[in-house]
PDB file of N, CA and C in Angstrom:
ATOM      1  N   MET A   1       0.822  -1.181   0.000  1.00  0.00           N
ATOM      2  CA  MET A   1       0.000   0.000   0.000  1.00  0.00           C
ATOM      3  C   MET A   1       0.879   1.264   0.000  1.00  0.00           C
ATOM      4  N   ARG A   2       1.983   1.211   0.775  1.00  0.00           N
ATOM      5  CA  ARG A   2       2.883   2.371   0.827  1.00  0.00           C
ATOM      6  C   ARG A   2       3.544   2.622  -0.532  1.00  0.00           C
ATOM      7  N   LEU A   3       3.849   1.544  -1.252  1.00  0.00           N
ATOM      8  CA  LEU A   3       4.449   1.687  -2.580  1.00  0.00           C
ATOM      9  C   LEU A   3       3.481   2.380  -3.533  1.00  0.00           C
ATOM     10  N   ILE A   4       2.229   1.991  -3.501  1.00  0.00           N
ATOM     11  CA  ILE A   4       1.229   2.607  -4.374  1.00  0.00           C
ATOM     12  C   ILE A   4       1.029   4.073  -3.999  1.00  0.00           C
ATOM     13  N   LEU A   5       1.014   4.367  -2.704  1.00  0.00           N
ATOM     14  CA  LEU A   5       0.885   5.757  -2.275  1.00  0.00           C
ATOM     15  C   LEU A   5       2.070   6.590  -2.729  1.00  0.00           C
ATOM     16  N   LYS A   6       3.267   6.020  -2.614  1.00  0.00           N
ATOM     17  CA  LYS A   6       4.481   6.729  -3.050  1.00  0.00           C
ATOM     18  C   LYS A   6       4.434   6.999  -4.552  1.00  0.00           C
ATOM     19  N   LEU A   7       4.000   6.006  -5.335  1.00  0.00           N
ATOM     20  CA  LEU A   7       3.891   6.193  -6.776  1.00  0.00           C
ATOM     21  C   LEU A   7       2.834   7.234  -7.134  1.00  0.00           C
ATOM     22  N   SER A   8       1.734   7.232  -6.413  1.00  0.00           N
ATOM     23  CA  SER A   8       0.688   8.209  -6.709  1.00  0.00           C
ATOM     24  C   SER A   8       1.112   9.622  -6.311  1.00  0.00           C
ATOM     25  N   GLU A   9       1.931   9.770  -5.267  1.00  0.00           N
ATOM     26  CA  GLU A   9       2.441  11.089  -4.886  1.00  0.00           C
ATOM     27  C   GLU A   9       3.364  11.643  -5.958  1.00  0.00           C
ATOM     28  N   ASN A  10       4.162  10.761  -6.563  1.00  0.00           N
ATOM     29  CA  ASN A  10       5.107  11.214  -7.582  1.00  0.00           C
ATOM     30  C   ASN A  10       4.422  11.655  -8.873  1.00  0.00           C
ATOM     31  N   SER A  11       3.269  11.088  -9.174  1.00  0.00           N
ATOM     32  CA  SER A  11       2.642  11.398 -10.465  1.00  0.00           C
ATOM     33  C   SER A  11       1.163  11.737 -10.309  1.00  0.00           C
ATOM     34  N   HIS A  12       0.813  12.511  -9.329  1.00  0.00           N
ATOM     35  CA  HIS A  12      -0.607  12.824  -9.128  1.00  0.00           C
ATOM     36  C   HIS A  12      -1.115  13.909 -10.079  1.00  0.00           C
ATOM     37  N   LYS A  13      -0.248  14.726 -10.637  1.00  0.00           N
ATOM     38  CA  LYS A  13      -0.691  15.775 -11.557  1.00  0.00           C
ATOM     39  C   LYS A  13      -0.591  15.335 -13.017  1.00  0.00           C
ATOM     40  N   ASP A  14       0.527  14.740 -13.374  1.00  0.00           N
ATOM     41  CA  ASP A  14       0.694  14.264 -14.741  1.00  0.00           C
ATOM     42  C   ASP A  14       1.655  13.080 -14.719  1.00  0.00           C
ATOM     43  N   PHE A  15       1.884  12.497 -15.879  1.00  0.00           N
ATOM     44  CA  PHE A  15       2.749  11.331 -15.955  1.00  0.00           C
ATOM     45  C   PHE A  15       4.203  11.741 -15.754  1.00  0.00           C
ATOM     46  N   LYS A  16       4.936  10.925 -14.982  1.00  0.00           N
ATOM     47  CA  LYS A  16       6.354  11.154 -14.759  1.00  0.00           C
ATOM     48  C   LYS A  16       7.084   9.821 -14.810  1.00  0.00           C
ATOM     49  N   LYS A  17       8.358   9.901 -15.145  1.00  0.00           N
ATOM     50  CA  LYS A  17       9.192   8.705 -15.066  1.00  0.00           C
ATOM     51  C   LYS A  17       9.489   8.424 -13.608  1.00  0.00           C
ATOM     52  N   VAL A  18       9.439   7.148 -13.251  1.00  0.00           N
ATOM     53  CA  VAL A  18       9.691   6.741 -11.875  1.00  0.00           C
ATOM     54  C   VAL A  18      10.717   5.623 -11.887  1.00  0.00           C
ATOM     55  N   GLU A  19      11.708   5.741 -11.047  1.00  0.00           N
ATOM     56  CA  GLU A  19      12.720   4.692 -10.890  1.00  0.00           C
ATOM     57  C   GLU A  19      12.147   3.623  -9.962  1.00  0.00           C
ATOM     58  N   LEU A  20      11.836   2.452 -10.514  1.00  0.00           N
ATOM     59  CA  LEU A  20      11.188   1.402  -9.731  1.00  0.00           C
ATOM     60  C   LEU A  20      12.156   0.543  -8.936  1.00  0.00           C
ATOM     61  N   ARG A  21      13.401   0.455  -9.388  1.00  0.00           N
ATOM     62  CA  ARG A  21      14.346  -0.436  -8.715  1.00  0.00           C
ATOM     63  C   ARG A  21      14.500  -0.128  -7.221  1.00  0.00           C
ATOM     64  N   PRO A  22      14.768   1.119  -6.816  1.00  0.00           N
ATOM     65  CA  PRO A  22      14.900   1.366  -5.368  1.00  0.00           C
ATOM     66  C   PRO A  22      13.588   1.185  -4.612  1.00  0.00           C
ATOM     67  N   LEU A  23      12.470   1.483  -5.263  1.00  0.00           N
ATOM     68  CA  LEU A  23      11.185   1.301  -4.592  1.00  0.00           C
ATOM     69  C   LEU A  23      10.886  -0.171  -4.364  1.00  0.00           C
ATOM     70  N   LEU A  24      11.151  -1.009  -5.380  1.00  0.00           N
ATOM     71  CA  LEU A  24      10.884  -2.437  -5.235  1.00  0.00           C
ATOM     72  C   LEU A  24      11.872  -3.115  -4.284  1.00  0.00           C
ATOM     73  N   SER A  25      13.137  -2.696  -4.312  1.00  0.00           N
ATOM     74  CA  SER A  25      14.090  -3.289  -3.364  1.00  0.00           C
ATOM     75  C   SER A  25      13.758  -2.864  -1.944  1.00  0.00           C
ATOM     76  N   GLY A  26      13.321  -1.631  -1.753  1.00  0.00           N
ATOM     77  CA  GLY A  26      12.883  -1.188  -0.428  1.00  0.00           C
ATOM     78  C   GLY A  26      11.678  -1.976   0.047  1.00  0.00           C
ATOM     79  N   LEU A  27      10.743  -2.235  -0.861  1.00  0.00           N
ATOM     80  CA  LEU A  27       9.570  -3.035  -0.528  1.00  0.00           C
ATOM     81  C   LEU A  27       9.967  -4.452  -0.122  1.00  0.00           C
ATOM     82  N   ALA A  28      10.884  -5.054  -0.885  1.00  0.00           N
ATOM     83  CA  ALA A  28      11.322  -6.418  -0.566  1.00  0.00           C
ATOM     84  C   ALA A  28      12.042  -6.465   0.786  1.00  0.00           C
ATOM     85  N   PHE A  29      12.967  -5.524   1.028  1.00  0.00           N
ATOM     86  CA  PHE A  29      13.668  -5.503   2.309  1.00  0.00           C
ATOM     87  C   PHE A  29      12.717  -5.247   3.470  1.00  0.00           C
ATOM     88  N   ASN A  30      11.780  -4.324   3.288  1.00  0.00           N
ATOM     89  CA  ASN A  30      10.826  -4.050   4.364  1.00  0.00           C
ATOM     90  C   ASN A  30       9.954  -5.266   4.662  1.00  0.00           C
ATOM     91  N   THR A  31       9.529  -5.966   3.625  1.00  0.00           N
ATOM     92  CA  THR A  31       8.710  -7.164   3.831  1.00  0.00           C
ATOM     93  C   THR A  31       9.483  -8.224   4.601  1.00  0.00           C
ATOM     94  N   ILE A  32      10.720  -8.446   4.210  1.00  0.00           N
ATOM     95  CA  ILE A  32      11.537  -9.457   4.890  1.00  0.00           C
ATOM     96  C   ILE A  32      11.810  -9.045   6.333  1.00  0.00           C
ATOM     97  N   MET A  33      12.189  -7.781   6.544  1.00  0.00           N
ATOM     98  CA  MET A  33      12.513  -7.334   7.901  1.00  0.00           C
ATOM     99  C   MET A  33      11.273  -7.263   8.790  1.00  0.00           C
ATOM    100  N   ARG A  34      10.120  -6.992   8.219  1.00  0.00           N
ATOM    101  CA  ARG A  34       8.898  -7.007   9.016  1.00  0.00           C
ATOM    102  C   ARG A  34       8.578  -8.428   9.468  1.00  0.00           C
ATOM    103  N   MET A  35       8.851  -9.412   8.602  1.00  0.00           N
ATOM    104  CA  MET A  35       8.623 -10.804   8.992  1.00  0.00           C
ATOM    105  C   MET A  35       9.626 -11.248  10.046  1.00  0.00           C
ATOM    106  N   VAL A  36      10.876 -10.817   9.916  1.00  0.00           N
ATOM    107  CA  VAL A  36      11.930 -11.268  10.817  1.00  0.00           C
ATOM    108  C   VAL A  36      11.871 -10.566  12.163  1.00  0.00           C
ATOM    109  N   CYS A  37      11.810  -9.238  12.166  1.00  0.00           N
ATOM    110  CA  CYS A  37      11.917  -8.533  13.443  1.00  0.00           C
ATOM    111  C   CYS A  37      10.818  -7.515  13.694  1.00  0.00           C
ATOM    112  N   GLY A  38       9.863  -7.386  12.779  1.00  0.00           N
ATOM    113  CA  GLY A  38       8.733  -6.499  13.013  1.00  0.00           C
ATOM    114  C   GLY A  38       9.030  -5.020  12.849  1.00  0.00           C
ATOM    115  N   LYS A  39      10.091  -4.656  12.123  1.00  0.00           N
ATOM    116  CA  LYS A  39      10.459  -3.255  11.933  1.00  0.00           C
ATOM    117  C   LYS A  39      10.596  -2.943  10.458  1.00  0.00           C
ATOM    118  N   ARG A  40      10.332  -1.675  10.106  1.00  0.00           N
ATOM    119  CA  ARG A  40      10.575  -1.193   8.758  1.00  0.00           C
ATOM    120  C   ARG A  40      11.904  -0.437   8.762  1.00  0.00           C
ATOM    121  N   PHE A  41      12.718  -0.665   7.741  1.00  0.00           N
ATOM    122  CA  PHE A  41      14.005   0.007   7.653  1.00  0.00           C
ATOM    123  C   PHE A  41      14.135   0.882   6.420  1.00  0.00           C
ATOM    124  N   TYR A  42      13.240   0.757   5.468  1.00  0.00           N
ATOM    125  CA  TYR A  42      13.304   1.540   4.240  1.00  0.00           C
ATOM    126  C   TYR A  42      12.064   2.400   4.131  1.00  0.00           C
ATOM    127  N   GLY A  43      12.209   3.535   3.474  1.00  0.00           N
ATOM    128  CA  GLY A  43      11.088   4.427   3.252  1.00  0.00           C
ATOM    129  C   GLY A  43      11.237   5.701   4.052  1.00  0.00           C
ATOM    130  N   ASP A  44      10.264   6.573   3.898  1.00  0.00           N
ATOM    131  CA  ASP A  44      10.306   7.864   4.572  1.00  0.00           C
ATOM    132  C   ASP A  44      10.132   7.727   6.071  1.00  0.00           C
ATOM    133  N   GLU A  45       9.158   6.957   6.466  1.00  0.00           N
ATOM    134  CA  GLU A  45       8.932   6.766   7.897  1.00  0.00           C
ATOM    135  C   GLU A  45       9.256   5.324   8.241  1.00  0.00           C
ATOM    136  N   SER A  46      10.138   5.120   9.197  1.00  0.00           N
ATOM    137  CA  SER A  46      10.554   3.788   9.613  1.00  0.00           C
ATOM    138  C   SER A  46       9.961   3.533  10.989  1.00  0.00           C
ATOM    139  N   ASP A  47       8.875   2.774  11.038  1.00  0.00           N
ATOM    140  CA  ASP A  47       8.215   2.584  12.320  1.00  0.00           C
ATOM    141  C   ASP A  47       8.978   1.592  13.187  1.00  0.00           C
ATOM    142  N   GLY A  48       8.983   1.840  14.477  1.00  0.00           N
ATOM    143  CA  GLY A  48       9.636   0.927  15.411  1.00  0.00           C
ATOM    144  C   GLY A  48      11.144   1.080  15.487  1.00  0.00           C
ATOM    145  N   THR A  49      11.716   1.947  14.705  1.00  0.00           N
ATOM    146  CA  THR A  49      13.168   2.126  14.733  1.00  0.00           C
ATOM    147  C   THR A  49      13.479   3.604  14.790  1.00  0.00           C
ATOM    148  N   ASN A  50      14.669   3.900  15.248  1.00  0.00           N
ATOM    149  CA  ASN A  50      15.097   5.289  15.143  1.00  0.00           C
ATOM    150  C   ASN A  50      15.805   5.492  13.811  1.00  0.00           C
ATOM    151  N   ALA A  51      16.015   6.712  13.444  1.00  0.00           N
ATOM    152  CA  ALA A  51      16.583   7.019  12.128  1.00  0.00           C
ATOM    153  C   ALA A  51      18.014   6.507  11.992  1.00  0.00           C
ATOM    154  N   ASP A  52      18.781   6.520  13.097  1.00  0.00           N
ATOM    155  CA  ASP A  52      20.172   6.060  13.031  1.00  0.00           C
ATOM    156  C   ASP A  52      20.246   4.564  12.738  1.00  0.00           C
ATOM    157  N   GLU A  53      19.395   3.789  13.387  1.00  0.00           N
ATOM    158  CA  GLU A  53      19.399   2.339  13.182  1.00  0.00           C
ATOM    159  C   GLU A  53      18.987   2.002  11.751  1.00  0.00           C
ATOM    160  N   ALA A  54      17.979   2.699  11.240  1.00  0.00           N
ATOM    161  CA  ALA A  54      17.528   2.454   9.869  1.00  0.00           C
ATOM    162  C   ALA A  54      18.607   2.853   8.865  1.00  0.00           C
ATOM    163  N   LYS A  55      19.293   3.978   9.106  1.00  0.00           N
ATOM    164  CA  LYS A  55      20.350   4.418   8.192  1.00  0.00           C
ATOM    165  C   LYS A  55      21.522   3.438   8.204  1.00  0.00           C
ATOM    166  N   LYS A  56      21.887   2.953   9.394  1.00  0.00           N
ATOM    167  CA  LYS A  56      22.981   1.985   9.489  1.00  0.00           C
ATOM    168  C   LYS A  56      22.630   0.704   8.732  1.00  0.00           C
ATOM    169  N   PHE A  57      21.388   0.241   8.870  1.00  0.00           N
ATOM    170  CA  PHE A  57      20.945  -0.954   8.162  1.00  0.00           C
ATOM    171  C   PHE A  57      21.010  -0.746   6.650  1.00  0.00           C
ATOM    172  N   ARG A  58      20.520   0.395   6.167  1.00  0.00           N
ATOM    173  CA  ARG A  58      20.539   0.669   4.724  1.00  0.00           C
ATOM    174  C   ARG A  58      21.971   0.751   4.200  1.00  0.00           C
ATOM    175  N   ASP A  59      22.870   1.355   4.968  1.00  0.00           N
ATOM    176  CA  ASP A  59      24.269   1.464   4.538  1.00  0.00           C
ATOM    177  C   ASP A  59      24.919   0.089   4.416  1.00  0.00           C
ATOM    178  N   VAL A  60      24.677  -0.768   5.400  1.00  0.00           N
ATOM    179  CA  VAL A  60      25.254  -2.112   5.356  1.00  0.00           C
ATOM    180  C   VAL A  60      24.679  -2.902   4.183  1.00  0.00           C
ATOM    181  N   MET A  61      23.390  -2.786   3.945  1.00  0.00           N
ATOM    182  CA  MET A  61      22.765  -3.501   2.828  1.00  0.00           C
ATOM    183  C   MET A  61      23.293  -2.993   1.488  1.00  0.00           C
ATOM    184  N   ASP A  62      23.548  -1.704   1.375  1.00  0.00           N
ATOM    185  CA  ASP A  62      24.122  -1.158   0.138  1.00  0.00           C
ATOM    186  C   ASP A  62      25.525  -1.695  -0.100  1.00  0.00           C
ATOM    187  N   GLU A  63      26.326  -1.801   0.959  1.00  0.00           N
ATOM    188  CA  GLU A  63      27.680  -2.348   0.823  1.00  0.00           C
ATOM    189  C   GLU A  63      27.637  -3.819   0.442  1.00  0.00           C
ATOM    190  N   ILE A  64      26.705  -4.555   1.004  1.00  0.00           N
ATOM    191  CA  ILE A  64      26.576  -5.976   0.673  1.00  0.00           C
ATOM    192  C   ILE A  64      26.192  -6.133  -0.794  1.00  0.00           C
ATOM    193  N   GLN A  65      25.300  -5.285  -1.278  1.00  0.00           N
ATOM    194  CA  GLN A  65      24.885  -5.366  -2.673  1.00  0.00           C
ATOM    195  C   GLN A  65      26.036  -5.065  -3.622  1.00  0.00           C
ATOM    196  N   GLU A  66      26.959  -4.206  -3.228  1.00  0.00           N
ATOM    197  CA  GLU A  66      28.122  -3.926  -4.079  1.00  0.00           C
ATOM    198  C   GLU A  66      28.943  -5.193  -4.292  1.00  0.00           C
ATOM    199  N   PHE A  67      29.104  -5.999  -3.249  1.00  0.00           N
ATOM    200  CA  PHE A  67      29.875  -7.226  -3.384  1.00  0.00           C
ATOM    201  C   PHE A  67      29.069  -8.317  -4.076  1.00  0.00           C
ATOM    202  N   ALA A  68      27.761  -8.324  -3.895  1.00  0.00           N
ATOM    203  CA  ALA A  68      26.932  -9.373  -4.481  1.00  0.00           C
ATOM    204  C   ALA A  68      26.751  -9.196  -5.981  1.00  0.00           C
ATOM    205  N   LEU A  69      26.712  -7.956  -6.445  1.00  0.00           N
ATOM    206  CA  LEU A  69      26.447  -7.707  -7.858  1.00  0.00           C
ATOM    207  C   LEU A  69      27.678  -7.876  -8.731  1.00  0.00           C
ATOM    208  N   GLY A  70      28.842  -7.686  -8.176  1.00  0.00           N
ATOM    209  CA  GLY A  70      30.053  -7.782  -8.969  1.00  0.00           C
ATOM    210  C   GLY A  70      30.775  -9.097  -8.734  1.00  0.00           C
ATOM    211  N   SER A  71      31.672  -9.403  -9.605  1.00  0.00           N
ATOM    212  CA  SER A  71      32.504 -10.582  -9.403  1.00  0.00           C
ATOM    213  C   SER A  71      33.955 -10.123  -9.321  1.00  0.00           C
ATOM    214  N   HIS A  72      34.724 -10.899  -8.640  1.00  0.00           N
ATOM    215  CA  HIS A  72      36.130 -10.579  -8.432  1.00  0.00           C
ATOM    216  C   HIS A  72      36.970 -11.580  -9.203  1.00  0.00           C
ATOM    217  N   LEU A  73      38.021 -11.095  -9.844  1.00  0.00           N
ATOM    218  CA  LEU A  73      38.862 -11.969 -10.657  1.00  0.00           C
ATOM    219  C   LEU A  73      39.473 -13.089  -9.819  1.00  0.00           C
ATOM    220  N   GLY A  74      39.727 -12.805  -8.540  1.00  0.00           N
ATOM    221  CA  GLY A  74      40.298 -13.819  -7.662  1.00  0.00           C
ATOM    222  C   GLY A  74      39.360 -14.986  -7.399  1.00  0.00           C
ATOM    223  N   ASP A  75      38.067 -14.808  -7.661  1.00  0.00           N
ATOM    224  CA  ASP A  75      37.120 -15.910  -7.511  1.00  0.00           C
ATOM    225  C   ASP A  75      37.332 -16.972  -8.585  1.00  0.00           C
ATOM    226  N   PHE A  76      37.891 -16.570  -9.716  1.00  0.00           N
ATOM    227  CA  PHE A  76      38.064 -17.478 -10.839  1.00  0.00           C
ATOM    228  C   PHE A  76      39.513 -17.900 -11.041  1.00  0.00           C
ATOM    229  N   VAL A  77      40.457 -17.024 -10.704  1.00  0.00           N
ATOM    230  CA  VAL A  77      41.883 -17.319 -10.845  1.00  0.00           C
ATOM    231  C   VAL A  77      42.513 -17.164  -9.463  1.00  0.00           C
ATOM    232  N   PRO A  78      42.844 -18.263  -8.800  1.00  0.00           N
ATOM    233  CA  PRO A  78      43.341 -18.198  -7.418  1.00  0.00           C
ATOM    234  C   PRO A  78      44.591 -17.349  -7.232  1.00  0.00           C
ATOM    235  N   LEU A  79      45.397 -17.205  -8.252  1.00  0.00           N
ATOM    236  CA  LEU A  79      46.604 -16.402  -8.144  1.00  0.00           C
ATOM    237  C   LEU A  79      46.264 -14.950  -7.820  1.00  0.00           C
ATOM    238  N   PHE A  80      45.204 -14.427  -8.395  1.00  0.00           N
ATOM    239  CA  PHE A  80      44.806 -13.040  -8.141  1.00  0.00           C
ATOM    240  C   PHE A  80      44.257 -12.848  -6.731  1.00  0.00           C
ATOM    241  N   MET A  81      43.749 -13.913  -6.123  1.00  0.00           N
ATOM    242  CA  MET A  81      43.270 -13.814  -4.747  1.00  0.00           C
ATOM    243  C   MET A  81      44.446 -13.563  -3.803  1.00  0.00           C
ATOM    244  N   LEU A  82      45.602 -14.111  -4.131  1.00  0.00           N
ATOM    245  CA  LEU A  82      46.781 -13.906  -3.293  1.00  0.00           C
ATOM    246  C   LEU A  82      47.330 -12.488  -3.438  1.00  0.00           C
ATOM    247  N   LEU A  83      47.129 -11.873  -4.579  1.00  0.00           N
ATOM    248  CA  LEU A  83      47.702 -10.557  -4.832  1.00  0.00           C
ATOM    249  C   LEU A  83      46.832  -9.399  -4.346  1.00  0.00           C
ATOM    250  N   ASP A  84      45.535  -9.597  -4.285  1.00  0.00           N
ATOM    251  CA  ASP A  84      44.629  -8.495  -3.958  1.00  0.00           C
ATOM    252  C   ASP A  84      44.121  -8.651  -2.527  1.00  0.00           C
ATOM    253  N   PHE A  85      44.719  -7.904  -1.598  1.00  0.00           N
ATOM    254  CA  PHE A  85      44.321  -7.993  -0.194  1.00  0.00           C
ATOM    255  C   PHE A  85      43.248  -6.961   0.166  1.00  0.00           C
ATOM    256  N   SER A  86      43.134  -5.904  -0.604  1.00  0.00           N
ATOM    257  CA  SER A  86      42.152  -4.865  -0.272  1.00  0.00           C
ATOM    258  C   SER A  86      40.724  -5.394  -0.414  1.00  0.00           C
ATOM    259  N   TYR A  87      40.482  -6.244  -1.409  1.00  0.00           N
ATOM    260  CA  TYR A  87      39.154  -6.817  -1.605  1.00  0.00           C
ATOM    261  C   TYR A  87      38.763  -7.656  -0.390  1.00  0.00           C
ATOM    262  N   ARG A  88      39.668  -8.481   0.072  1.00  0.00           N
ATOM    263  CA  ARG A  88      39.374  -9.329   1.236  1.00  0.00           C
ATOM    264  C   ARG A  88      39.173  -8.496   2.490  1.00  0.00           C
ATOM    265  N   LYS A  89      39.952  -7.430   2.650  1.00  0.00           N
ATOM    266  CA  LYS A  89      39.797  -6.557   3.822  1.00  0.00           C
ATOM    267  C   LYS A  89      38.435  -5.873   3.814  1.00  0.00           C
ATOM    268  N   LYS A  90      38.031  -5.379   2.648  1.00  0.00           N
ATOM    269  CA  LYS A  90      36.729  -4.728   2.544  1.00  0.00           C
ATOM    270  C   LYS A  90      35.596  -5.716   2.812  1.00  0.00           C
ATOM    271  N   LEU A  91      35.728  -6.908   2.259  1.00  0.00           N
ATOM    272  CA  LEU A  91      34.707  -7.927   2.457  1.00  0.00           C
ATOM    273  C   LEU A  91      34.623  -8.343   3.919  1.00  0.00           C
ATOM    274  N   LYS A  92      35.763  -8.455   4.585  1.00  0.00           N
ATOM    275  CA  LYS A  92      35.775  -8.810   6.001  1.00  0.00           C
ATOM    276  C   LYS A  92      35.151  -7.692   6.845  1.00  0.00           C
ATOM    277  N   ARG A  93      35.441  -6.443   6.498  1.00  0.00           N
ATOM    278  CA  ARG A  93      34.884  -5.304   7.227  1.00  0.00           C
ATOM    279  C   ARG A  93      33.358  -5.257   7.083  1.00  0.00           C
ATOM    280  N   VAL A  94      32.870  -5.500   5.876  1.00  0.00           N
ATOM    281  CA  VAL A  94      31.421  -5.523   5.657  1.00  0.00           C
ATOM    282  C   VAL A  94      30.783  -6.680   6.414  1.00  0.00           C
ATOM    283  N   GLY A  95      31.453  -7.814   6.438  1.00  0.00           N
ATOM    284  CA  GLY A  95      30.944  -8.962   7.186  1.00  0.00           C
ATOM    285  C   GLY A  95      30.857  -8.674   8.674  1.00  0.00           C
ATOM    286  N   GLU A  96      31.844  -7.973   9.217  1.00  0.00           N
ATOM    287  CA  GLU A  96      31.813  -7.617  10.640  1.00  0.00           C
ATOM    288  C   GLU A  96      30.682  -6.642  10.939  1.00  0.00           C
ATOM    289  N   LYS A  97      30.470  -5.671  10.025  1.00  0.00           N
ATOM    290  CA  LYS A  97      29.352  -4.734  10.200  1.00  0.00           C
ATOM    291  C   LYS A  97      28.017  -5.471  10.182  1.00  0.00           C
ATOM    292  N   MET A  98      27.896  -6.416   9.244  1.00  0.00           N
ATOM    293  CA  MET A  98      26.661  -7.170   9.124  1.00  0.00           C
ATOM    294  C   MET A  98      26.421  -8.025  10.365  1.00  0.00           C
ATOM    295  N   ASP A  99      27.471  -8.661  10.872  1.00  0.00           N
ATOM    296  CA  ASP A  99      27.348  -9.458  12.097  1.00  0.00           C
ATOM    297  C   ASP A  99      26.903  -8.602  13.277  1.00  0.00           C
ATOM    298  N   ALA A 100      27.498  -7.411  13.414  1.00  0.00           N
ATOM    299  CA  ALA A 100      27.127  -6.521  14.516  1.00  0.00           C
ATOM    300  C   ALA A 100      25.674  -6.067  14.383  1.00  0.00           C
ATOM    301  N   LEU A 101      25.260  -5.758  13.173  1.00  0.00           N
ATOM    302  CA  LEU A 101      23.884  -5.327  12.947  1.00  0.00           C
ATOM    303  C   LEU A 101      22.895  -6.428  13.285  1.00  0.00           C
ATOM    304  N   PHE A 102      23.148  -7.628  12.792  1.00  0.00           N
ATOM    305  CA  PHE A 102      22.228  -8.729  13.058  1.00  0.00           C
ATOM    306  C   PHE A 102      22.268  -9.168  14.515  1.00  0.00           C
ATOM    307  N   GLN A 103      23.429  -9.054  15.165  1.00  0.00           N
ATOM    308  CA  GLN A 103      23.493  -9.374  16.592  1.00  0.00           C
ATOM    309  C   GLN A 103      22.658  -8.376  17.393  1.00  0.00           C
ATOM    310  N   GLY A 104      22.673  -7.108  16.980  1.00  0.00           N
ATOM    311  CA  GLY A 104      21.825  -6.108  17.623  1.00  0.00           C
ATOM    312  C   GLY A 104      20.360  -6.426  17.461  1.00  0.00           C
ATOM    313  N   LEU A 105      19.966  -6.910  16.269  1.00  0.00           N
ATOM    314  CA  LEU A 105      18.574  -7.297  16.048  1.00  0.00           C
ATOM    315  C   LEU A 105      18.182  -8.480  16.917  1.00  0.00           C
ATOM    316  N   VAL A 106      19.091  -9.446  17.053  1.00  0.00           N
ATOM    317  CA  VAL A 106      18.823 -10.605  17.914  1.00  0.00           C
ATOM    318  C   VAL A 106      18.700 -10.167  19.373  1.00  0.00           C
ATOM    319  N   ASP A 107      19.590  -9.280  19.804  1.00  0.00           N
ATOM    320  CA  ASP A 107      19.524  -8.790  21.179  1.00  0.00           C
ATOM    321  C   ASP A 107      18.235  -8.024  21.451  1.00  0.00           C
ATOM    322  N   ASP A 108      17.794  -7.229  20.481  1.00  0.00           N
ATOM    323  CA  ASP A 108      16.531  -6.511  20.626  1.00  0.00           C
ATOM    324  C   ASP A 108      15.360  -7.482  20.725  1.00  0.00           C
ATOM    325  N   HIS A 109      15.422  -8.536  19.948  1.00  0.00           N
ATOM    326  CA  HIS A 109      14.330  -9.522  19.964  1.00  0.00           C
ATOM    327  C   HIS A 109      14.243 -10.257  21.296  1.00  0.00           C
ATOM    328  N   ARG A 110      15.405 -10.504  21.884  1.00  0.00           N
ATOM    329  CA  ARG A 110      15.426 -11.185  23.189  1.00  0.00           C
ATOM    330  C   ARG A 110      14.816 -10.290  24.228  1.00  0.00           C
TER     331      ARG A 110
END
């Protein structure tokens, strides 16, 4: 319902181009997070959360998507995995952020 309202706000006077990718990904993440922990993290109003927690969640999810959408040459040629340490450091840092975020969600649920 929020997606339809958002679309109608953008084009209530006349037809406009609308970028659907961020709206649909926000809808998917909100649906999953509402099922898991009962909170909304995407959109203008994030119920049940403060703005800092929602922003931190969105930032971590954006970083995860950067690694998920691309491929690394070291995944296919093991020699390049030995030479490129920055990729592994970034991936480890994102993993630690994700672990901390999800541990916070588990602690809140308890």
